[in-house]
């Protein structure tokens, strides 16, 4: 199974974000799944990819032709897919996905996440979507979703393929359909 992980190329404030990335990467590798991510060597991206590789997993980095991103290219991945643009990078990652996980991240992570949520609401993708909610990081976003539903701009069913959790066992069960 290809698990697309969206996350920051920085580490955030506090070791707990890195620990979440390592926990997820270790599970991906140990469970025989493949990590598909943005290809960076630093921050949460580096932590999740390194942990996946250390656990014997395969890691595919999808990198656009953007100098800032290419400068952070991870040197030791299993496979690299280069794309001409950010839009094509996002499309390629979605094409490869069997599941999506968003670790904490910034604007880029939110962009990728909301893109996938929109596709899910239209049944263009039916893959599970997990928000790895380290220390409640995604609770404000969950409140926004609740507000969308309560104000009639979305239906609860749109979000039925989503899980907010920081429990790796619950995440694994949700992704593998054993939830």
Foldseek 3Di string as FASTA:
>chain_A
DEEEEAAALAAPPDCLLLVLLLVQLLCCQQVAHEYEYQQFCHHSVVSSQVSVVVNRYAYEHEYEPDVVSVVRGDDDHNYYHYHPDPVVSLVVSLVPDQAYEYRYHDPVSVVSLVVVLVCLLVVVDVHAYEYQQRVNRCVVVVVVVVVCCVVVNGPPVSCPSYYYHNDVVVVVCSRVVND
